[in-house]
Amino acid sequence: NYINKKPNIENIIKLNIGGKIFTTSKNTLLNHIYGQNYFTSLLSGKFNIERDEHGNIFIDRNDEIFSYILNYLR
Protein backbone atom coordinates (compact mmCIF):
# COMPACT_ATOMS: atom_id res chain seq x y z
CA ASN A 1 0.00 0.00 0.00
CA TYR A 2 1.51 3.33 -1.10
CA ILE A 3 0.13 5.27 1.89
CA ASN A 4 2.01 3.09 4.40
CA LYS A 5 5.40 3.40 2.70
CA LYS A 6 7.94 5.63 4.40
CA PRO A 7 9.79 8.03 2.09
CA ASN A 8 13.43 7.25 1.40
CA ILE A 9 14.94 10.44 2.83
CA GLU A 10 18.43 9.57 1.55
CA ASN A 11 17.07 9.70 -2.01
CA ILE A 12 15.74 13.28 -1.67
CA ILE A 13 18.24 16.02 -2.55
CA LYS A 14 17.87 19.76 -2.16
CA LEU A 15 19.98 21.93 -4.43
CA ASN A 16 20.60 25.65 -4.07
CA ILE A 17 21.19 26.77 -7.63
CA GLY A 18 21.92 30.49 -7.85
CA GLY A 19 19.83 31.13 -4.74
CA LYS A 20 16.78 29.09 -5.80
CA ILE A 21 16.04 25.77 -4.06
CA PHE A 22 15.27 22.72 -6.18
CA THR A 23 14.11 19.45 -4.65
CA THR A 24 14.62 16.27 -6.62
CA SER A 25 15.67 12.69 -6.18
CA LYS A 26 19.17 11.28 -6.29
CA ASN A 27 17.86 8.81 -8.88
CA THR A 28 16.88 11.67 -11.18
CA LEU A 29 20.29 13.33 -10.93
CA LEU A 30 22.09 10.03 -11.48
CA ASN A 31 19.86 8.94 -14.37
CA HIS A 32 22.14 6.50 -16.17
CA ILE A 33 20.12 6.61 -19.38
CA TYR A 34 22.09 9.75 -20.18
CA GLY A 35 25.44 8.33 -18.99
CA GLN A 36 27.95 10.15 -16.82
CA ASN A 37 27.11 13.73 -15.96
CA TYR A 38 28.10 16.46 -13.53
CA PHE A 39 26.00 14.93 -10.76
CA THR A 40 27.48 11.44 -11.02
CA SER A 41 30.85 13.01 -10.19
CA LEU A 42 29.48 15.41 -7.58
CA LEU A 43 27.59 12.72 -5.68
CA SER A 44 30.27 10.03 -6.01
CA GLY A 45 31.78 10.90 -2.63
CA LYS A 46 35.16 11.69 -4.20
CA PHE A 47 34.75 15.45 -3.91
CA ASN A 48 33.82 17.90 -1.19
CA ILE A 49 30.31 19.21 -1.69
CA GLU A 50 29.79 22.91 -1.06
CA ARG A 51 26.65 23.50 1.01
CA ASP A 52 24.64 26.56 1.99
CA GLU A 53 23.65 27.50 5.55
CA HIS A 54 20.68 25.09 5.41
CA GLY A 55 22.71 22.10 4.24
CA ASN A 56 21.51 22.28 0.62
CA ILE A 57 24.06 21.49 -2.06
CA PHE A 58 25.20 24.86 -3.41
CA ILE A 59 25.95 25.31 -7.11
CA ASP A 60 26.72 28.82 -8.34
CA ARG A 61 24.89 28.73 -11.66
CA ASN A 62 21.84 30.22 -13.38
CA ASP A 63 18.65 28.85 -11.77
CA GLU A 64 16.48 29.48 -14.84
CA ILE A 65 18.73 27.38 -17.07
CA PHE A 66 18.98 24.64 -14.44
CA SER A 67 15.21 24.15 -14.38
CA TYR A 68 15.46 23.02 -18.03
CA ILE A 69 18.32 20.66 -17.22
CA LEU A 70 16.41 19.13 -14.31
CA ASN A 71 13.29 18.66 -16.43
CA TYR A 72 15.42 16.95 -19.09
CA LEU A 73 16.83 14.53 -16.50
CA ARG A 74 13.33 13.79 -15.25
PDB file of N, CA and C in Angstrom:
ATOM      1  N   ASN A   1       0.842  -1.182   0.000  1.00  0.00           N
ATOM      2  CA  ASN A   1       0.000   0.000   0.000  1.00  0.00           C
ATOM      3  C   ASN A   1       0.886   1.244   0.000  1.00  0.00           C
ATOM      4  N   TYR A   2       0.696   2.127  -0.940  1.00  0.00           N
ATOM      5  CA  TYR A   2       1.509   3.331  -1.104  1.00  0.00           C
ATOM      6  C   TYR A   2       1.452   4.232   0.123  1.00  0.00           C
ATOM      7  N   ILE A   3       0.302   4.359   0.758  1.00  0.00           N
ATOM      8  CA  ILE A   3       0.127   5.266   1.892  1.00  0.00           C
ATOM      9  C   ILE A   3       1.005   4.852   3.072  1.00  0.00           C
ATOM     10  N   ASN A   4       1.236   3.572   3.258  1.00  0.00           N
ATOM     11  CA  ASN A   4       2.005   3.091   4.404  1.00  0.00           C
ATOM     12  C   ASN A   4       3.513   3.100   4.178  1.00  0.00           C
ATOM     13  N   LYS A   5       3.968   3.394   2.973  1.00  0.00           N
ATOM     14  CA  LYS A   5       5.400   3.398   2.698  1.00  0.00           C
ATOM     15  C   LYS A   5       6.040   4.667   3.254  1.00  0.00           C
ATOM     16  N   LYS A   6       7.182   4.485   3.907  1.00  0.00           N
ATOM     17  CA  LYS A   6       7.940   5.635   4.397  1.00  0.00           C
ATOM     18  C   LYS A   6       8.807   6.156   3.257  1.00  0.00           C
ATOM     19  N   PRO A   7       8.942   7.487   3.150  1.00  0.00           N
ATOM     20  CA  PRO A   7       9.789   8.031   2.091  1.00  0.00           C
ATOM     21  C   PRO A   7      11.257   7.700   2.353  1.00  0.00           C
ATOM     22  N   ASN A   8      11.994   7.496   1.306  1.00  0.00           N
ATOM     23  CA  ASN A   8      13.430   7.248   1.402  1.00  0.00           C
ATOM     24  C   ASN A   8      14.124   8.601   1.439  1.00  0.00           C
ATOM     25  N   ILE A   9      14.381   9.106   2.648  1.00  0.00           N
ATOM     26  CA  ILE A   9      14.944  10.443   2.832  1.00  0.00           C
ATOM     27  C   ILE A   9      16.310  10.573   2.171  1.00  0.00           C
ATOM     28  N   GLU A  10      17.103   9.500   2.161  1.00  0.00           N
ATOM     29  CA  GLU A  10      18.428   9.571   1.546  1.00  0.00           C
ATOM     30  C   GLU A  10      18.352   9.816   0.042  1.00  0.00           C
ATOM     31  N   ASN A  11      17.221   9.519  -0.575  1.00  0.00           N
ATOM     32  CA  ASN A  11      17.070   9.701  -2.014  1.00  0.00           C
ATOM     33  C   ASN A  11      16.657  11.129  -2.376  1.00  0.00           C
ATOM     34  N   ILE A  12      16.197  11.910  -1.412  1.00  0.00           N
ATOM     35  CA  ILE A  12      15.741  13.281  -1.674  1.00  0.00           C
ATOM     36  C   ILE A  12      16.920  14.241  -1.527  1.00  0.00           C
ATOM     37  N   ILE A  13      17.115  15.072  -2.541  1.00  0.00           N
ATOM     38  CA  ILE A  13      18.236  16.016  -2.549  1.00  0.00           C
ATOM     39  C   ILE A  13      17.694  17.421  -2.778  1.00  0.00           C
ATOM     40  N   LYS A  14      18.204  18.354  -1.973  1.00  0.00           N
ATOM     41  CA  LYS A  14      17.870  19.763  -2.164  1.00  0.00           C
ATOM     42  C   LYS A  14      19.105  20.481  -2.683  1.00  0.00           C
ATOM     43  N   LEU A  15      18.902  21.195  -3.777  1.00  0.00           N
ATOM     44  CA  LEU A  15      19.981  21.932  -4.426  1.00  0.00           C
ATOM     45  C   LEU A  15      19.691  23.427  -4.373  1.00  0.00           C
ATOM     46  N   ASN A  16      20.686  24.200  -4.011  1.00  0.00           N
ATOM     47  CA  ASN A  16      20.602  25.652  -4.069  1.00  0.00           C
ATOM     48  C   ASN A  16      21.360  26.056  -5.327  1.00  0.00           C
ATOM     49  N   ILE A  17      20.598  26.367  -6.361  1.00  0.00           N
ATOM     50  CA  ILE A  17      21.192  26.767  -7.634  1.00  0.00           C
ATOM     51  C   ILE A  17      20.963  28.258  -7.808  1.00  0.00           C
ATOM     52  N   GLY A  18      22.024  29.036  -7.680  1.00  0.00           N
ATOM     53  CA  GLY A  18      21.924  30.486  -7.847  1.00  0.00           C
ATOM     54  C   GLY A  18      20.947  31.135  -6.894  1.00  0.00           C
ATOM     55  N   GLY A  19      20.723  30.556  -5.738  1.00  0.00           N
ATOM     56  CA  GLY A  19      19.825  31.128  -4.738  1.00  0.00           C
ATOM     57  C   GLY A  19      18.420  30.542  -4.748  1.00  0.00           C
ATOM     58  N   LYS A  20      18.092  29.720  -5.722  1.00  0.00           N
ATOM     59  CA  LYS A  20      16.778  29.085  -5.796  1.00  0.00           C
ATOM     60  C   LYS A  20      16.918  27.623  -5.390  1.00  0.00           C
ATOM     61  N   ILE A  21      15.989  27.143  -4.555  1.00  0.00           N
ATOM     62  CA  ILE A  21      16.035  25.770  -4.059  1.00  0.00           C
ATOM     63  C   ILE A  21      15.247  24.848  -4.981  1.00  0.00           C
ATOM     64  N   PHE A  22      15.898  23.771  -5.388  1.00  0.00           N
ATOM     65  CA  PHE A  22      15.275  22.720  -6.183  1.00  0.00           C
ATOM     66  C   PHE A  22      15.288  21.450  -5.350  1.00  0.00           C
ATOM     67  N   THR A  23      14.188  20.736  -5.338  1.00  0.00           N
ATOM     68  CA  THR A  23      14.107  19.452  -4.654  1.00  0.00           C
ATOM     69  C   THR A  23      13.879  18.381  -5.702  1.00  0.00           C
ATOM     70  N   THR A  24      14.711  17.358  -5.650  1.00  0.00           N
ATOM     71  CA  THR A  24      14.616  16.273  -6.619  1.00  0.00           C
ATOM     72  C   THR A  24      15.113  14.993  -5.961  1.00  0.00           C
ATOM     73  N   SER A  25      15.174  13.953  -6.728  1.00  0.00           N
ATOM     74  CA  SER A  25      15.673  12.690  -6.180  1.00  0.00           C
ATOM     75  C   SER A  25      17.088  12.432  -6.685  1.00  0.00           C
ATOM     76  N   LYS A  26      17.825  11.685  -5.892  1.00  0.00           N
ATOM     77  CA  LYS A  26      19.168  11.276  -6.290  1.00  0.00           C
ATOM     78  C   LYS A  26      19.088  10.447  -7.566  1.00  0.00           C
ATOM     79  N   ASN A  27      18.049   9.624  -7.682  1.00  0.00           N
ATOM     80  CA  ASN A  27      17.864   8.807  -8.880  1.00  0.00           C
ATOM     81  C   ASN A  27      17.736   9.657 -10.135  1.00  0.00           C
ATOM     82  N   THR A  28      17.033  10.775 -10.036  1.00  0.00           N
ATOM     83  CA  THR A  28      16.878  11.668 -11.183  1.00  0.00           C
ATOM     84  C   THR A  28      18.222  12.244 -11.599  1.00  0.00           C
ATOM     85  N   LEU A  29      19.003  12.715 -10.619  1.00  0.00           N
ATOM     86  CA  LEU A  29      20.290  13.329 -10.934  1.00  0.00           C
ATOM     87  C   LEU A  29      21.294  12.318 -11.475  1.00  0.00           C
ATOM     88  N   LEU A  30      21.162  11.070 -11.051  1.00  0.00           N
ATOM     89  CA  LEU A  30      22.094  10.031 -11.482  1.00  0.00           C
ATOM     90  C   LEU A  30      21.522   9.174 -12.593  1.00  0.00           C
ATOM     91  N   ASN A  31      20.536   9.679 -13.301  1.00  0.00           N
ATOM     92  CA  ASN A  31      19.863   8.944 -14.366  1.00  0.00           C
ATOM     93  C   ASN A  31      20.885   8.408 -15.359  1.00  0.00           C
ATOM     94  N   HIS A  32      21.095   7.105 -15.359  1.00  0.00           N
ATOM     95  CA  HIS A  32      22.136   6.496 -16.172  1.00  0.00           C
ATOM     96  C   HIS A  32      21.745   6.329 -17.637  1.00  0.00           C
ATOM     97  N   ILE A  33      20.516   6.633 -17.970  1.00  0.00           N
ATOM     98  CA  ILE A  33      20.119   6.607 -19.379  1.00  0.00           C
ATOM     99  C   ILE A  33      20.975   7.590 -20.171  1.00  0.00           C
ATOM    100  N   TYR A  34      21.325   8.705 -19.517  1.00  0.00           N
ATOM    101  CA  TYR A  34      22.092   9.751 -20.181  1.00  0.00           C
ATOM    102  C   TYR A  34      23.595   9.617 -19.921  1.00  0.00           C
ATOM    103  N   GLY A  35      24.027   8.557 -19.246  1.00  0.00           N
ATOM    104  CA  GLY A  35      25.444   8.327 -18.990  1.00  0.00           C
ATOM    105  C   GLY A  35      25.982   9.201 -17.865  1.00  0.00           C
ATOM    106  N   GLN A  36      27.281   9.334 -17.833  1.00  0.00           N
ATOM    107  CA  GLN A  36      27.949  10.150 -16.817  1.00  0.00           C
ATOM    108  C   GLN A  36      27.569  11.614 -17.011  1.00  0.00           C
ATOM    109  N   ASN A  37      27.382  12.299 -15.897  1.00  0.00           N
ATOM    110  CA  ASN A  37      27.114  13.730 -15.956  1.00  0.00           C
ATOM    111  C   ASN A  37      27.739  14.410 -14.743  1.00  0.00           C
ATOM    112  N   TYR A  38      27.547  15.676 -14.624  1.00  0.00           N
ATOM    113  CA  TYR A  38      28.102  16.462 -13.527  1.00  0.00           C
ATOM    114  C   TYR A  38      27.721  15.871 -12.174  1.00  0.00           C
ATOM    115  N   PHE A  39      26.490  15.407 -12.044  1.00  0.00           N
ATOM    116  CA  PHE A  39      26.003  14.928 -10.758  1.00  0.00           C
ATOM    117  C   PHE A  39      26.546  13.558 -10.385  1.00  0.00           C
ATOM    118  N   THR A  40      26.872  12.728 -11.362  1.00  0.00           N
ATOM    119  CA  THR A  40      27.478  11.439 -11.024  1.00  0.00           C
ATOM    120  C   THR A  40      28.830  11.671 -10.362  1.00  0.00           C
ATOM    121  N   SER A  41      29.572  12.662 -10.825  1.00  0.00           N
ATOM    122  CA  SER A  41      30.848  13.013 -10.194  1.00  0.00           C
ATOM    123  C   SER A  41      30.629  13.684  -8.845  1.00  0.00           C
ATOM    124  N   LEU A  42      29.729  14.660  -8.808  1.00  0.00           N
ATOM    125  CA  LEU A  42      29.484  15.414  -7.577  1.00  0.00           C
ATOM    126  C   LEU A  42      29.036  14.511  -6.438  1.00  0.00           C
ATOM    127  N   LEU A  43      28.161  13.568  -6.719  1.00  0.00           N
ATOM    128  CA  LEU A  43      27.588  12.722  -5.676  1.00  0.00           C
ATOM    129  C   LEU A  43      28.351  11.411  -5.474  1.00  0.00           C
ATOM    130  N   SER A  44      29.492  11.267  -6.119  1.00  0.00           N
ATOM    131  CA  SER A  44      30.268  10.033  -6.010  1.00  0.00           C
ATOM    132  C   SER A  44      30.950   9.869  -4.657  1.00  0.00           C
ATOM    133  N   GLY A  45      31.075  10.954  -3.905  1.00  0.00           N
ATOM    134  CA  GLY A  45      31.779  10.901  -2.632  1.00  0.00           C
ATOM    135  C   GLY A  45      33.262  11.197  -2.761  1.00  0.00           C
ATOM    136  N   LYS A  46      33.741  11.411  -3.971  1.00  0.00           N
ATOM    137  CA  LYS A  46      35.160  11.689  -4.202  1.00  0.00           C
ATOM    138  C   LYS A  46      35.518  13.153  -4.003  1.00  0.00           C
ATOM    139  N   PHE A  47      34.509  14.017  -3.989  1.00  0.00           N
ATOM    140  CA  PHE A  47      34.755  15.453  -3.909  1.00  0.00           C
ATOM    141  C   PHE A  47      34.000  16.062  -2.729  1.00  0.00           C
ATOM    142  N   ASN A  48      34.542  17.161  -2.216  1.00  0.00           N
ATOM    143  CA  ASN A  48      33.823  17.900  -1.189  1.00  0.00           C
ATOM    144  C   ASN A  48      32.655  18.621  -1.839  1.00  0.00           C
ATOM    145  N   ILE A  49      31.512  18.553  -1.184  1.00  0.00           N
ATOM    146  CA  ILE A  49      30.315  19.212  -1.689  1.00  0.00           C
ATOM    147  C   ILE A  49      30.132  20.515  -0.934  1.00  0.00           C
ATOM    148  N   GLU A  50      30.033  21.606  -1.669  1.00  0.00           N
ATOM    149  CA  GLU A  50      29.788  22.905  -1.059  1.00  0.00           C
ATOM    150  C   GLU A  50      28.308  22.996  -0.693  1.00  0.00           C
ATOM    151  N   ARG A  51      28.034  23.428   0.534  1.00  0.00           N
ATOM    152  CA  ARG A  51      26.650  23.504   1.012  1.00  0.00           C
ATOM    153  C   ARG A  51      26.347  24.902   1.522  1.00  0.00           C
ATOM    154  N   ASP A  52      25.068  25.270   1.450  1.00  0.00           N
ATOM    155  CA  ASP A  52      24.644  26.557   1.992  1.00  0.00           C
ATOM    156  C   ASP A  52      24.368  26.425   3.491  1.00  0.00           C
ATOM    157  N   GLU A  53      23.881  27.483   4.096  1.00  0.00           N
ATOM    158  CA  GLU A  53      23.650  27.504   5.547  1.00  0.00           C
ATOM    159  C   GLU A  53      22.553  26.544   6.005  1.00  0.00           C
ATOM    160  N   HIS A  54      21.748  26.038   5.078  1.00  0.00           N
ATOM    161  CA  HIS A  54      20.677  25.087   5.407  1.00  0.00           C
ATOM    162  C   HIS A  54      21.043  23.643   5.073  1.00  0.00           C
ATOM    163  N   GLY A  55      22.258  23.441   4.580  1.00  0.00           N
ATOM    164  CA  GLY A  55      22.706  22.100   4.240  1.00  0.00           C
ATOM    165  C   GLY A  55      22.396  21.677   2.811  1.00  0.00           C
ATOM    166  N   ASN A  56      21.801  22.572   2.025  1.00  0.00           N
ATOM    167  CA  ASN A  56      21.513  22.277   0.623  1.00  0.00           C
ATOM    168  C   ASN A  56      22.803  22.312  -0.186  1.00  0.00           C
ATOM    169  N   ILE A  57      22.902  21.459  -1.174  1.00  0.00           N
ATOM    170  CA  ILE A  57      24.062  21.485  -2.063  1.00  0.00           C
ATOM    171  C   ILE A  57      24.030  22.802  -2.837  1.00  0.00           C
ATOM    172  N   PHE A  58      25.135  23.548  -2.766  1.00  0.00           N
ATOM    173  CA  PHE A  58      25.198  24.856  -3.413  1.00  0.00           C
ATOM    174  C   PHE A  58      25.964  24.766  -4.724  1.00  0.00           C
ATOM    175  N   ILE A  59      25.316  25.246  -5.793  1.00  0.00           N
ATOM    176  CA  ILE A  59      25.953  25.310  -7.112  1.00  0.00           C
ATOM    177  C   ILE A  59      25.717  26.718  -7.648  1.00  0.00           C
ATOM    178  N   ASP A  60      26.788  27.427  -7.911  1.00  0.00           N
ATOM    179  CA  ASP A  60      26.716  28.821  -8.335  1.00  0.00           C
ATOM    180  C   ASP A  60      26.505  28.907  -9.848  1.00  0.00           C
ATOM    181  N   ARG A  61      25.261  28.683 -10.244  1.00  0.00           N
ATOM    182  CA  ARG A  61      24.891  28.730 -11.662  1.00  0.00           C
ATOM    183  C   ARG A  61      23.514  29.376 -11.820  1.00  0.00           C
ATOM    184  N   ASN A  62      23.107  29.577 -13.050  1.00  0.00           N
ATOM    185  CA  ASN A  62      21.838  30.216 -13.376  1.00  0.00           C
ATOM    186  C   ASN A  62      20.674  29.276 -13.068  1.00  0.00           C
ATOM    187  N   ASP A  63      19.785  29.702 -12.168  1.00  0.00           N
ATOM    188  CA  ASP A  63      18.655  28.852 -11.766  1.00  0.00           C
ATOM    189  C   ASP A  63      17.635  28.650 -12.884  1.00  0.00           C
ATOM    190  N   GLU A  64      17.462  29.628 -13.753  1.00  0.00           N
ATOM    191  CA  GLU A  64      16.485  29.482 -14.839  1.00  0.00           C
ATOM    192  C   GLU A  64      16.928  28.406 -15.823  1.00  0.00           C
ATOM    193  N   ILE A  65      18.194  28.388 -16.152  1.00  0.00           N
ATOM    194  CA  ILE A  65      18.727  27.377 -17.068  1.00  0.00           C
ATOM    195  C   ILE A  65      18.656  26.000 -16.410  1.00  0.00           C
ATOM    196  N   PHE A  66      18.964  25.935 -15.112  1.00  0.00           N
ATOM    197  CA  PHE A  66      18.981  24.643 -14.439  1.00  0.00           C
ATOM    198  C   PHE A  66      17.611  23.979 -14.433  1.00  0.00           C
ATOM    199  N   SER A  67      16.547  24.750 -14.372  1.00  0.00           N
ATOM    200  CA  SER A  67      15.214  24.148 -14.382  1.00  0.00           C
ATOM    201  C   SER A  67      14.999  23.337 -15.659  1.00  0.00           C
ATOM    202  N   TYR A  68      15.552  23.785 -16.785  1.00  0.00           N
ATOM    203  CA  TYR A  68      15.455  23.023 -18.030  1.00  0.00           C
ATOM    204  C   TYR A  68      16.279  21.740 -17.951  1.00  0.00           C
ATOM    205  N   ILE A  69      17.462  21.842 -17.366  1.00  0.00           N
ATOM    206  CA  ILE A  69      18.324  20.661 -17.222  1.00  0.00           C
ATOM    207  C   ILE A  69      17.639  19.618 -16.347  1.00  0.00           C
ATOM    208  N   LEU A  70      17.083  20.063 -15.232  1.00  0.00           N
ATOM    209  CA  LEU A  70      16.408  19.134 -14.314  1.00  0.00           C
ATOM    210  C   LEU A  70      15.201  18.486 -14.980  1.00  0.00           C
ATOM    211  N   ASN A  71      14.435  19.246 -15.719  1.00  0.00           N
ATOM    212  CA  ASN A  71      13.293  18.663 -16.433  1.00  0.00           C
ATOM    213  C   ASN A  71      13.755  17.652 -17.477  1.00  0.00           C
ATOM    214  N   TYR A  72      14.873  17.889 -18.125  1.00  0.00           N
ATOM    215  CA  TYR A  72      15.420  16.945 -19.089  1.00  0.00           C
ATOM    216  C   TYR A  72      15.794  15.626 -18.391  1.00  0.00           C
ATOM    217  N   LEU A  73      16.442  15.728 -17.241  1.00  0.00           N
ATOM    218  CA  LEU A  73      16.830  14.526 -16.497  1.00  0.00           C
ATOM    219  C   LEU A  73      15.609  13.740 -15.995  1.00  0.00           C
ATOM    220  N   ARG A  74      14.546  14.463 -15.720  1.00  0.00           N
ATOM    221  CA  ARG A  74      13.331  13.793 -15.251  1.00  0.00           C
ATOM    222  C   ARG A  74      12.677  13.041 -16.378  1.00  0.00           C
TER     223      ARG A  74
END
